[in-house]
Amino acid sequence: MSTTHAEHPAHTHVHGEGCGHAAIQHGDHVDYAHDGHLHRDHDGHWDECEPAGHVPHEHADHVHGEGCGHMAVQHGDHVDYAHDGHRHAAHGDHYDDH
């Protein structure tokens, strides 16, 4: 799965342990939830970590929601759930892999 390379301009906050934002393992990097965006460190600046395209995620009959055991993170106009190094977002009758 690829993501777009969209630099988050004028981001002076340094994310890291104890910065106050949720850290989510996302494949080979860590995303930080900040003001409805997901940021990742990239070569000395911060990028928005957004999916490129529509990538449905197939998983067992697990339904994400309150009390499901996975971290819920506000992401724009929806909620992502951190699950096994992926972020899942409800989309119609399935989940998308963010």
PDB file of N, CA and C in Angstrom:
ATOM      1  N   MET A   1       0.835  -1.161   0.000  1.00  0.00           N
ATOM      2  CA  MET A   1       0.000   0.000   0.000  1.00  0.00           C
ATOM      3  C   MET A   1       0.889   1.236   0.000  1.00  0.00           C
ATOM      4  N   SER A   2       0.581   2.188  -0.825  1.00  0.00           N
ATOM      5  CA  SER A   2       1.374   3.405  -0.864  1.00  0.00           C
ATOM      6  C   SER A   2       0.577   4.567  -0.285  1.00  0.00           C
ATOM      7  N   THR A   3       1.317   5.590   0.101  1.00  0.00           N
ATOM      8  CA  THR A   3       0.687   6.804   0.586  1.00  0.00           C
ATOM      9  C   THR A   3       1.177   7.965  -0.253  1.00  0.00           C
ATOM     10  N   THR A   4       0.409   9.038  -0.233  1.00  0.00           N
ATOM     11  CA  THR A   4       0.827  10.221  -0.965  1.00  0.00           C
ATOM     12  C   THR A   4       1.948  10.911  -0.193  1.00  0.00           C
ATOM     13  N   HIS A   5       2.783  11.679  -0.888  1.00  0.00           N
ATOM     14  CA  HIS A   5       3.831  12.450  -0.240  1.00  0.00           C
ATOM     15  C   HIS A   5       3.371  13.899  -0.200  1.00  0.00           C
ATOM     16  N   ALA A   6       2.682  14.236   0.870  1.00  0.00           N
ATOM     17  CA  ALA A   6       2.165  15.586   1.049  1.00  0.00           C
ATOM     18  C   ALA A   6       2.794  16.153   2.311  1.00  0.00           C
ATOM     19  N   GLU A   7       3.756  17.026   2.122  1.00  0.00           N
ATOM     20  CA  GLU A   7       4.436  17.623   3.268  1.00  0.00           C
ATOM     21  C   GLU A   7       3.454  18.451   4.074  1.00  0.00           C
ATOM     22  N   HIS A   8       3.572  18.359   5.403  1.00  0.00           N
ATOM     23  CA  HIS A   8       2.746  19.165   6.303  1.00  0.00           C
ATOM     24  C   HIS A   8       3.546  20.429   6.616  1.00  0.00           C
ATOM     25  N   PRO A   9       3.211  21.537   5.970  1.00  0.00           N
ATOM     26  CA  PRO A   9       4.026  22.755   6.105  1.00  0.00           C
ATOM     27  C   PRO A   9       3.905  23.417   7.477  1.00  0.00           C
ATOM     28  N   ALA A  10       4.932  24.122   7.839  1.00  0.00           N
ATOM     29  CA  ALA A  10       4.974  24.920   9.071  1.00  0.00           C
ATOM     30  C   ALA A  10       4.610  24.102  10.303  1.00  0.00           C
ATOM     31  N   HIS A  11       5.099  22.904  10.373  1.00  0.00           N
ATOM     32  CA  HIS A  11       4.820  22.041  11.517  1.00  0.00           C
ATOM     33  C   HIS A  11       6.012  22.125  12.457  1.00  0.00           C
ATOM     34  N   THR A  12       5.895  22.942  13.485  1.00  0.00           N
ATOM     35  CA  THR A  12       7.015  23.172  14.389  1.00  0.00           C
ATOM     36  C   THR A  12       7.037  22.202  15.565  1.00  0.00           C
ATOM     37  N   HIS A  13       5.923  21.540  15.833  1.00  0.00           N
ATOM     38  CA  HIS A  13       5.847  20.573  16.931  1.00  0.00           C
ATOM     39  C   HIS A  13       6.667  19.329  16.576  1.00  0.00           C
ATOM     40  N   VAL A  14       7.452  18.848  17.517  1.00  0.00           N
ATOM     41  CA  VAL A  14       8.230  17.639  17.304  1.00  0.00           C
ATOM     42  C   VAL A  14       7.500  16.487  17.989  1.00  0.00           C
ATOM     43  N   HIS A  15       7.060  15.518  17.195  1.00  0.00           N
ATOM     44  CA  HIS A  15       6.386  14.347  17.745  1.00  0.00           C
ATOM     45  C   HIS A  15       7.411  13.366  18.290  1.00  0.00           C
ATOM     46  N   GLY A  16       7.002  12.646  19.308  1.00  0.00           N
ATOM     47  CA  GLY A  16       7.843  11.625  19.907  1.00  0.00           C
ATOM     48  C   GLY A  16       7.235  11.181  21.218  1.00  0.00           C
ATOM     49  N   GLU A  17       7.918  10.285  21.903  1.00  0.00           N
ATOM     50  CA  GLU A  17       7.414   9.764  23.163  1.00  0.00           C
ATOM     51  C   GLU A  17       7.105  10.911  24.125  1.00  0.00           C
ATOM     52  N   GLY A  18       5.896  10.928  24.644  1.00  0.00           N
ATOM     53  CA  GLY A  18       5.494  11.945  25.609  1.00  0.00           C
ATOM     54  C   GLY A  18       5.060  13.267  25.000  1.00  0.00           C
ATOM     55  N   CYS A  19       4.875  13.338  23.678  1.00  0.00           N
ATOM     56  CA  CYS A  19       4.505  14.620  23.049  1.00  0.00           C
ATOM     57  C   CYS A  19       3.034  14.951  23.231  1.00  0.00           C
ATOM     58  N   GLY A  20       2.237  13.985  23.700  1.00  0.00           N
ATOM     59  CA  GLY A  20       0.826  14.246  23.932  1.00  0.00           C
ATOM     60  C   GLY A  20      -0.101  13.802  22.809  1.00  0.00           C
ATOM     61  N   HIS A  21       0.440  13.261  21.732  1.00  0.00           N
ATOM     62  CA  HIS A  21      -0.376  12.779  20.619  1.00  0.00           C
ATOM     63  C   HIS A  21      -0.268  11.268  20.514  1.00  0.00           C
ATOM     64  N   ALA A  22      -1.367  10.634  20.094  1.00  0.00           N
ATOM     65  CA  ALA A  22      -1.375   9.177  19.963  1.00  0.00           C
ATOM     66  C   ALA A  22      -0.376   8.743  18.900  1.00  0.00           C
ATOM     67  N   ALA A  23       0.462   7.773  19.239  1.00  0.00           N
ATOM     68  CA  ALA A  23       1.430   7.188  18.309  1.00  0.00           C
ATOM     69  C   ALA A  23       0.864   5.860  17.819  1.00  0.00           C
ATOM     70  N   ILE A  24       0.836   5.684  16.501  1.00  0.00           N
ATOM     71  CA  ILE A  24       0.241   4.495  15.908  1.00  0.00           C
ATOM     72  C   ILE A  24       1.250   3.852  14.974  1.00  0.00           C
ATOM     73  N   GLN A  25       1.634   2.609  15.261  1.00  0.00           N
ATOM     74  CA  GLN A  25       2.517   1.887  14.349  1.00  0.00           C
ATOM     75  C   GLN A  25       1.774   1.674  13.046  1.00  0.00           C
ATOM     76  N   HIS A  26       2.371   2.080  11.921  1.00  0.00           N
ATOM     77  CA  HIS A  26       1.719   1.998  10.611  1.00  0.00           C
ATOM     78  C   HIS A  26       2.729   1.424   9.626  1.00  0.00           C
ATOM     79  N   GLY A  27       2.699   0.114   9.463  1.00  0.00           N
ATOM     80  CA  GLY A  27       3.670  -0.532   8.580  1.00  0.00           C
ATOM     81  C   GLY A  27       5.078  -0.331   9.103  1.00  0.00           C
ATOM     82  N   ASP A  28       5.929   0.346   8.330  1.00  0.00           N
ATOM     83  CA  ASP A  28       7.342   0.519   8.695  1.00  0.00           C
ATOM     84  C   ASP A  28       7.645   1.843   9.388  1.00  0.00           C
ATOM     85  N   HIS A  29       6.603   2.594   9.786  1.00  0.00           N
ATOM     86  CA  HIS A  29       6.827   3.881  10.449  1.00  0.00           C
ATOM     87  C   HIS A  29       5.752   4.110  11.511  1.00  0.00           C
ATOM     88  N   VAL A  30       5.867   5.218  12.224  1.00  0.00           N
ATOM     89  CA  VAL A  30       4.896   5.590  13.248  1.00  0.00           C
ATOM     90  C   VAL A  30       4.181   6.852  12.793  1.00  0.00           C
ATOM     91  N   ASP A  31       2.850   6.837  12.874  1.00  0.00           N
ATOM     92  CA  ASP A  31       2.037   8.018  12.626  1.00  0.00           C
ATOM     93  C   ASP A  31       1.689   8.644  13.965  1.00  0.00           C
ATOM     94  N   TYR A  32       1.534   9.966  13.964  1.00  0.00           N
ATOM     95  CA  TYR A  32       1.082  10.682  15.151  1.00  0.00           C
ATOM     96  C   TYR A  32      -0.209  11.396  14.810  1.00  0.00           C
ATOM     97  N   ALA A  33      -1.245  11.157  15.615  1.00  0.00           N
ATOM     98  CA  ALA A  33      -2.546  11.801  15.418  1.00  0.00           C
ATOM     99  C   ALA A  33      -2.489  13.202  16.003  1.00  0.00           C
ATOM    100  N   HIS A  34      -2.770  14.206  15.160  1.00  0.00           N
ATOM    101  CA  HIS A  34      -2.630  15.598  15.567  1.00  0.00           C
ATOM    102  C   HIS A  34      -3.659  16.435  14.814  1.00  0.00           C
ATOM    103  N   ASP A  35      -4.640  16.975  15.524  1.00  0.00           N
ATOM    104  CA  ASP A  35      -5.655  17.853  14.939  1.00  0.00           C
ATOM    105  C   ASP A  35      -6.383  17.219  13.756  1.00  0.00           C
ATOM    106  N   GLY A  36      -6.736  15.941  13.863  1.00  0.00           N
ATOM    107  CA  GLY A  36      -7.472  15.258  12.809  1.00  0.00           C
ATOM    108  C   GLY A  36      -6.627  14.804  11.639  1.00  0.00           C
ATOM    109  N   HIS A  37      -5.306  14.990  11.739  1.00  0.00           N
ATOM    110  CA  HIS A  37      -4.378  14.562  10.696  1.00  0.00           C
ATOM    111  C   HIS A  37      -3.487  13.474  11.257  1.00  0.00           C
ATOM    112  N   LEU A  38      -2.860  12.725  10.379  1.00  0.00           N
ATOM    113  CA  LEU A  38      -1.882  11.734  10.786  1.00  0.00           C
ATOM    114  C   LEU A  38      -0.553  12.114  10.161  1.00  0.00           C
ATOM    115  N   HIS A  39       0.439  12.402  11.010  1.00  0.00           N
ATOM    116  CA  HIS A  39       1.740  12.879  10.565  1.00  0.00           C
ATOM    117  C   HIS A  39       2.787  11.792  10.739  1.00  0.00           C
ATOM    118  N   ARG A  40       3.765  11.789   9.816  1.00  0.00           N
ATOM    119  CA  ARG A  40       4.901  10.882   9.936  1.00  0.00           C
ATOM    120  C   ARG A  40       6.173  11.652   9.636  1.00  0.00           C
ATOM    121  N   ASP A  41       7.245  11.259  10.303  1.00  0.00           N
ATOM    122  CA  ASP A  41       8.558  11.858  10.086  1.00  0.00           C
ATOM    123  C   ASP A  41       9.089  11.395   8.737  1.00  0.00           C
ATOM    124  N   HIS A  42       9.620  12.347   7.940  1.00  0.00           N
ATOM    125  CA  HIS A  42      10.148  11.989   6.624  1.00  0.00           C
ATOM    126  C   HIS A  42      11.288  12.919   6.254  1.00  0.00           C
ATOM    127  N   ASP A  43      12.511  12.436   6.337  1.00  0.00           N
ATOM    128  CA  ASP A  43      13.699  13.183   5.912  1.00  0.00           C
ATOM    129  C   ASP A  43      13.755  14.614   6.457  1.00  0.00           C
ATOM    130  N   GLY A  44      13.528  14.755   7.755  1.00  0.00           N
ATOM    131  CA  GLY A  44      13.678  16.057   8.398  1.00  0.00           C
ATOM    132  C   GLY A  44      12.458  16.953   8.356  1.00  0.00           C
ATOM    133  N   HIS A  45      11.339  16.463   7.833  1.00  0.00           N
ATOM    134  CA  HIS A  45      10.087  17.229   7.877  1.00  0.00           C
ATOM    135  C   HIS A  45       8.946  16.254   8.172  1.00  0.00           C
ATOM    136  N   TRP A  46       7.743  16.779   8.317  1.00  0.00           N
ATOM    137  CA  TRP A  46       6.577  15.951   8.622  1.00  0.00           C
ATOM    138  C   TRP A  46       5.684  15.878   7.400  1.00  0.00           C
ATOM    139  N   ASP A  47       5.233  14.665   7.078  1.00  0.00           N
ATOM    140  CA  ASP A  47       4.294  14.439   5.984  1.00  0.00           C
ATOM    141  C   ASP A  47       2.934  14.068   6.546  1.00  0.00           C
ATOM    142  N   GLU A  48       1.893  14.402   5.786  1.00  0.00           N
ATOM    143  CA  GLU A  48       0.570  13.857   6.055  1.00  0.00           C
ATOM    144  C   GLU A  48       0.641  12.405   5.595  1.00  0.00           C
ATOM    145  N   CYS A  49       0.170  11.490   6.403  1.00  0.00           N
ATOM    146  CA  CYS A  49       0.205  10.083   6.015  1.00  0.00           C
ATOM    147  C   CYS A  49      -1.188   9.691   5.554  1.00  0.00           C
ATOM    148  N   GLU A  50      -1.429   9.879   4.276  1.00  0.00           N
ATOM    149  CA  GLU A  50      -2.741   9.623   3.702  1.00  0.00           C
ATOM    150  C   GLU A  50      -2.654   8.510   2.670  1.00  0.00           C
ATOM    151  N   PRO A  51      -3.679   7.684   2.585  1.00  0.00           N
ATOM    152  CA  PRO A  51      -3.654   6.593   1.609  1.00  0.00           C
ATOM    153  C   PRO A  51      -3.745   7.110   0.182  1.00  0.00           C
ATOM    154  N   ALA A  52      -3.102   6.405  -0.713  1.00  0.00           N
ATOM    155  CA  ALA A  52      -3.196   6.717  -2.140  1.00  0.00           C
ATOM    156  C   ALA A  52      -4.130   5.687  -2.764  1.00  0.00           C
ATOM    157  N   GLY A  53      -5.360   6.087  -2.995  1.00  0.00           N
ATOM    158  CA  GLY A  53      -6.322   5.175  -3.600  1.00  0.00           C
ATOM    159  C   GLY A  53      -7.178   4.460  -2.581  1.00  0.00           C
ATOM    160  N   HIS A  54      -8.063   3.627  -3.070  1.00  0.00           N
ATOM    161  CA  HIS A  54      -9.009   2.882  -2.258  1.00  0.00           C
ATOM    162  C   HIS A  54      -8.487   1.469  -2.074  1.00  0.00           C
ATOM    163  N   VAL A  55      -8.169   1.111  -0.833  1.00  0.00           N
ATOM    164  CA  VAL A  55      -7.599  -0.204  -0.541  1.00  0.00           C
ATOM    165  C   VAL A  55      -8.475  -0.910   0.491  1.00  0.00           C
ATOM    166  N   PRO A  56      -9.427  -1.738   0.030  1.00  0.00           N
ATOM    167  CA  PRO A  56     -10.249  -2.479   0.993  1.00  0.00           C
ATOM    168  C   PRO A  56      -9.388  -3.434   1.811  1.00  0.00           C
ATOM    169  N   HIS A  57      -9.743  -3.600   3.067  1.00  0.00           N
ATOM    170  CA  HIS A  57      -9.026  -4.507   3.959  1.00  0.00           C
ATOM    171  C   HIS A  57      -9.942  -5.665   4.320  1.00  0.00           C
ATOM    172  N   GLU A  58      -9.467  -6.842   4.091  1.00  0.00           N
ATOM    173  CA  GLU A  58     -10.227  -8.045   4.434  1.00  0.00           C
ATOM    174  C   GLU A  58      -9.752  -8.538   5.787  1.00  0.00           C
ATOM    175  N   HIS A  59     -10.653  -8.659   6.729  1.00  0.00           N
ATOM    176  CA  HIS A  59     -10.318  -9.310   7.989  1.00  0.00           C
ATOM    177  C   HIS A  59     -11.540 -10.045   8.494  1.00  0.00           C
ATOM    178  N   ALA A  60     -11.307 -10.891   9.471  1.00  0.00           N
ATOM    179  CA  ALA A  60     -12.384 -11.737  10.001  1.00  0.00           C
ATOM    180  C   ALA A  60     -13.571 -10.879  10.417  1.00  0.00           C
ATOM    181  N   ASP A  61     -14.539 -11.487  10.981  1.00  0.00           N
ATOM    182  CA  ASP A  61     -15.796 -10.821  11.305  1.00  0.00           C
ATOM    183  C   ASP A  61     -15.687  -9.834  12.459  1.00  0.00           C
ATOM    184  N   HIS A  62     -14.518  -9.255  12.652  1.00  0.00           N
ATOM    185  CA  HIS A  62     -14.335  -8.263  13.704  1.00  0.00           C
ATOM    186  C   HIS A  62     -14.990  -6.951  13.290  1.00  0.00           C
ATOM    187  N   VAL A  63     -15.740  -6.358  14.203  1.00  0.00           N
ATOM    188  CA  VAL A  63     -16.367  -5.061  13.948  1.00  0.00           C
ATOM    189  C   VAL A  63     -15.723  -4.046  14.884  1.00  0.00           C
ATOM    190  N   HIS A  64     -15.134  -3.002  14.307  1.00  0.00           N
ATOM    191  CA  HIS A  64     -14.521  -1.959  15.119  1.00  0.00           C
ATOM    192  C   HIS A  64     -15.603  -1.048  15.700  1.00  0.00           C
ATOM    193  N   GLY A  65     -15.341  -0.566  16.891  1.00  0.00           N
ATOM    194  CA  GLY A  65     -16.257   0.344  17.563  1.00  0.00           C
ATOM    195  C   GLY A  65     -15.870   0.459  19.017  1.00  0.00           C
ATOM    196  N   GLU A  66     -16.643   1.207  19.773  1.00  0.00           N
ATOM    197  CA  GLU A  66     -16.354   1.415  21.184  1.00  0.00           C
ATOM    198  C   GLU A  66     -16.215   0.077  21.900  1.00  0.00           C
ATOM    199  N   GLY A  67     -15.103  -0.093  22.595  1.00  0.00           N
ATOM    200  CA  GLY A  67     -14.861  -1.304  23.358  1.00  0.00           C
ATOM    201  C   GLY A  67     -14.322  -2.472  22.556  1.00  0.00           C
ATOM    202  N   CYS A  68     -13.927  -2.264  21.285  1.00  0.00           N
ATOM    203  CA  CYS A  68     -13.444  -3.380  20.462  1.00  0.00           C
ATOM    204  C   CYS A  68     -12.005  -3.771  20.794  1.00  0.00           C
ATOM    205  N   GLY A  69     -11.303  -2.929  21.558  1.00  0.00           N
ATOM    206  CA  GLY A  69      -9.940  -3.251  21.950  1.00  0.00           C
ATOM    207  C   GLY A  69      -8.863  -2.619  21.086  1.00  0.00           C
ATOM    208  N   HIS A  70      -9.244  -1.848  20.074  1.00  0.00           N
ATOM    209  CA  HIS A  70      -8.271  -1.177  19.213  1.00  0.00           C
ATOM    210  C   HIS A  70      -8.361   0.329  19.394  1.00  0.00           C
ATOM    211  N   MET A  71      -7.204   0.999  19.294  1.00  0.00           N
ATOM    212  CA  MET A  71      -7.152   2.440  19.484  1.00  0.00           C
ATOM    213  C   MET A  71      -7.962   3.144  18.395  1.00  0.00           C
ATOM    214  N   ALA A  72      -8.877   4.023  18.811  1.00  0.00           N
ATOM    215  CA  ALA A  72      -9.664   4.831  17.887  1.00  0.00           C
ATOM    216  C   ALA A  72      -8.992   6.193  17.745  1.00  0.00           C
ATOM    217  N   VAL A  73      -8.800   6.638  16.500  1.00  0.00           N
ATOM    218  CA  VAL A  73      -8.123   7.903  16.235  1.00  0.00           C
ATOM    219  C   VAL A  73      -8.952   8.718  15.252  1.00  0.00           C
ATOM    220  N   GLN A  74      -9.334   9.934  15.664  1.00  0.00           N
ATOM    221  CA  GLN A  74     -10.060  10.822  14.757  1.00  0.00           C
ATOM    222  C   GLN A  74      -9.167  11.165  13.575  1.00  0.00           C
ATOM    223  N   HIS A  75      -9.681  11.000  12.355  1.00  0.00           N
ATOM    224  CA  HIS A  75      -8.907  11.254  11.145  1.00  0.00           C
ATOM    225  C   HIS A  75      -9.818  11.991  10.171  1.00  0.00           C
ATOM    226  N   GLY A  76      -9.734  13.310  10.193  1.00  0.00           N
ATOM    227  CA  GLY A  76     -10.609  14.107   9.341  1.00  0.00           C
ATOM    228  C   GLY A  76     -12.056  13.909   9.740  1.00  0.00           C
ATOM    229  N   ASP A  77     -12.891  13.443   8.802  1.00  0.00           N
ATOM    230  CA  ASP A  77     -14.320  13.301   9.056  1.00  0.00           C
ATOM    231  C   ASP A  77     -14.733  11.892   9.492  1.00  0.00           C
ATOM    232  N   HIS A  78     -13.758  11.048   9.840  1.00  0.00           N
ATOM    233  CA  HIS A  78     -14.072   9.684  10.253  1.00  0.00           C
ATOM    234  C   HIS A  78     -13.104   9.232  11.347  1.00  0.00           C
ATOM    235  N   VAL A  79     -13.297   8.020  11.813  1.00  0.00           N
ATOM    236  CA  VAL A  79     -12.426   7.441  12.839  1.00  0.00           C
ATOM    237  C   VAL A  79     -11.680   6.260  12.235  1.00  0.00           C
ATOM    238  N   ASP A  80     -10.363   6.236  12.447  1.00  0.00           N
ATOM    239  CA  ASP A  80      -9.550   5.082  12.079  1.00  0.00           C
ATOM    240  C   ASP A  80      -9.342   4.245  13.334  1.00  0.00           C
ATOM    241  N   TYR A  81      -9.178   2.940  13.143  1.00  0.00           N
ATOM    242  CA  TYR A  81      -8.858   2.041  14.240  1.00  0.00           C
ATOM    243  C   TYR A  81      -7.510   1.405  13.961  1.00  0.00           C
ATOM    244  N   ALA A  82      -6.574   1.545  14.910  1.00  0.00           N
ATOM    245  CA  ALA A  82      -5.240   0.971  14.766  1.00  0.00           C
ATOM    246  C   ALA A  82      -5.323  -0.515  15.069  1.00  0.00           C
ATOM    247  N   HIS A  83      -4.879  -1.336  14.105  1.00  0.00           N
ATOM    248  CA  HIS A  83      -5.033  -2.776  14.212  1.00  0.00           C
ATOM    249  C   HIS A  83      -3.889  -3.455  13.462  1.00  0.00           C
ATOM    250  N   ASP A  84      -2.983  -4.096  14.183  1.00  0.00           N
ATOM    251  CA  ASP A  84      -1.894  -4.884  13.588  1.00  0.00           C
ATOM    252  C   ASP A  84      -1.046  -4.101  12.589  1.00  0.00           C
ATOM    253  N   GLY A  85      -0.667  -2.866  12.925  1.00  0.00           N
ATOM    254  CA  GLY A  85       0.194  -2.071  12.058  1.00  0.00           C
ATOM    255  C   GLY A  85      -0.532  -1.429  10.898  1.00  0.00           C
ATOM    256  N   HIS A  86      -1.858  -1.443  10.926  1.00  0.00           N
ATOM    257  CA  HIS A  86      -2.670  -0.808   9.891  1.00  0.00           C
ATOM    258  C   HIS A  86      -3.676   0.116  10.564  1.00  0.00           C
ATOM    259  N   ARG A  87      -4.224   1.010   9.786  1.00  0.00           N
ATOM    260  CA  ARG A  87      -5.338   1.835  10.250  1.00  0.00           C
ATOM    261  C   ARG A  87      -6.542   1.445   9.408  1.00  0.00           C
ATOM    262  N   HIS A  88      -7.629   1.093  10.072  1.00  0.00           N
ATOM    263  CA  HIS A  88      -8.840   0.685   9.376  1.00  0.00           C
ATOM    264  C   HIS A  88      -9.904   1.767   9.526  1.00  0.00           C
ATOM    265  N   ALA A  89     -10.609   2.043   8.440  1.00  0.00           N
ATOM    266  CA  ALA A  89     -11.708   3.005   8.457  1.00  0.00           C
ATOM    267  C   ALA A  89     -12.925   2.355   7.818  1.00  0.00           C
ATOM    268  N   ALA A  90     -14.085   2.483   8.464  1.00  0.00           N
ATOM    269  CA  ALA A  90     -15.319   1.929   7.908  1.00  0.00           C
ATOM    270  C   ALA A  90     -15.637   2.622   6.596  1.00  0.00           C
ATOM    271  N   HIS A  91     -16.032   1.814   5.604  1.00  0.00           N
ATOM    272  CA  HIS A  91     -16.394   2.341   4.290  1.00  0.00           C
ATOM    273  C   HIS A  91     -17.467   1.434   3.701  1.00  0.00           C
ATOM    274  N   GLY A  92     -18.708   1.872   3.762  1.00  0.00           N
ATOM    275  CA  GLY A  92     -19.806   1.026   3.280  1.00  0.00           C
ATOM    276  C   GLY A  92     -19.890  -0.247   4.093  1.00  0.00           C
ATOM    277  N   ASP A  93     -19.839  -1.391   3.431  1.00  0.00           N
ATOM    278  CA  ASP A  93     -19.963  -2.673   4.110  1.00  0.00           C
ATOM    279  C   ASP A  93     -18.614  -3.340   4.394  1.00  0.00           C
ATOM    280  N   HIS A  94     -17.519  -2.559   4.317  1.00  0.00           N
ATOM    281  CA  HIS A  94     -16.177  -3.105   4.564  1.00  0.00           C
ATOM    282  C   HIS A  94     -15.326  -2.042   5.249  1.00  0.00           C
ATOM    283  N   TYR A  95     -14.075  -2.409   5.525  1.00  0.00           N
ATOM    284  CA  TYR A  95     -13.108  -1.467   6.077  1.00  0.00           C
ATOM    285  C   TYR A  95     -12.044  -1.205   5.024  1.00  0.00           C
ATOM    286  N   ASP A  96     -11.576   0.042   4.975  1.00  0.00           N
ATOM    287  CA  ASP A  96     -10.448   0.385   4.111  1.00  0.00           C
ATOM    288  C   ASP A  96      -9.179   0.356   4.938  1.00  0.00           C
ATOM    289  N   ASP A  97      -8.108  -0.042   4.294  1.00  0.00           N
ATOM    290  CA  ASP A  97      -6.793  -0.061   4.908  1.00  0.00           C
ATOM    291  C   ASP A  97      -6.161   1.297   4.669  1.00  0.00           C
ATOM    292  N   HIS A  98      -5.973   2.033   5.730  1.00  0.00           N
ATOM    293  CA  HIS A  98      -5.317   3.333   5.615  1.00  0.00           C
ATOM    294  C   HIS A  98      -3.873   3.136   5.982  1.00  0.00           C
TER     295      HIS A  98
END
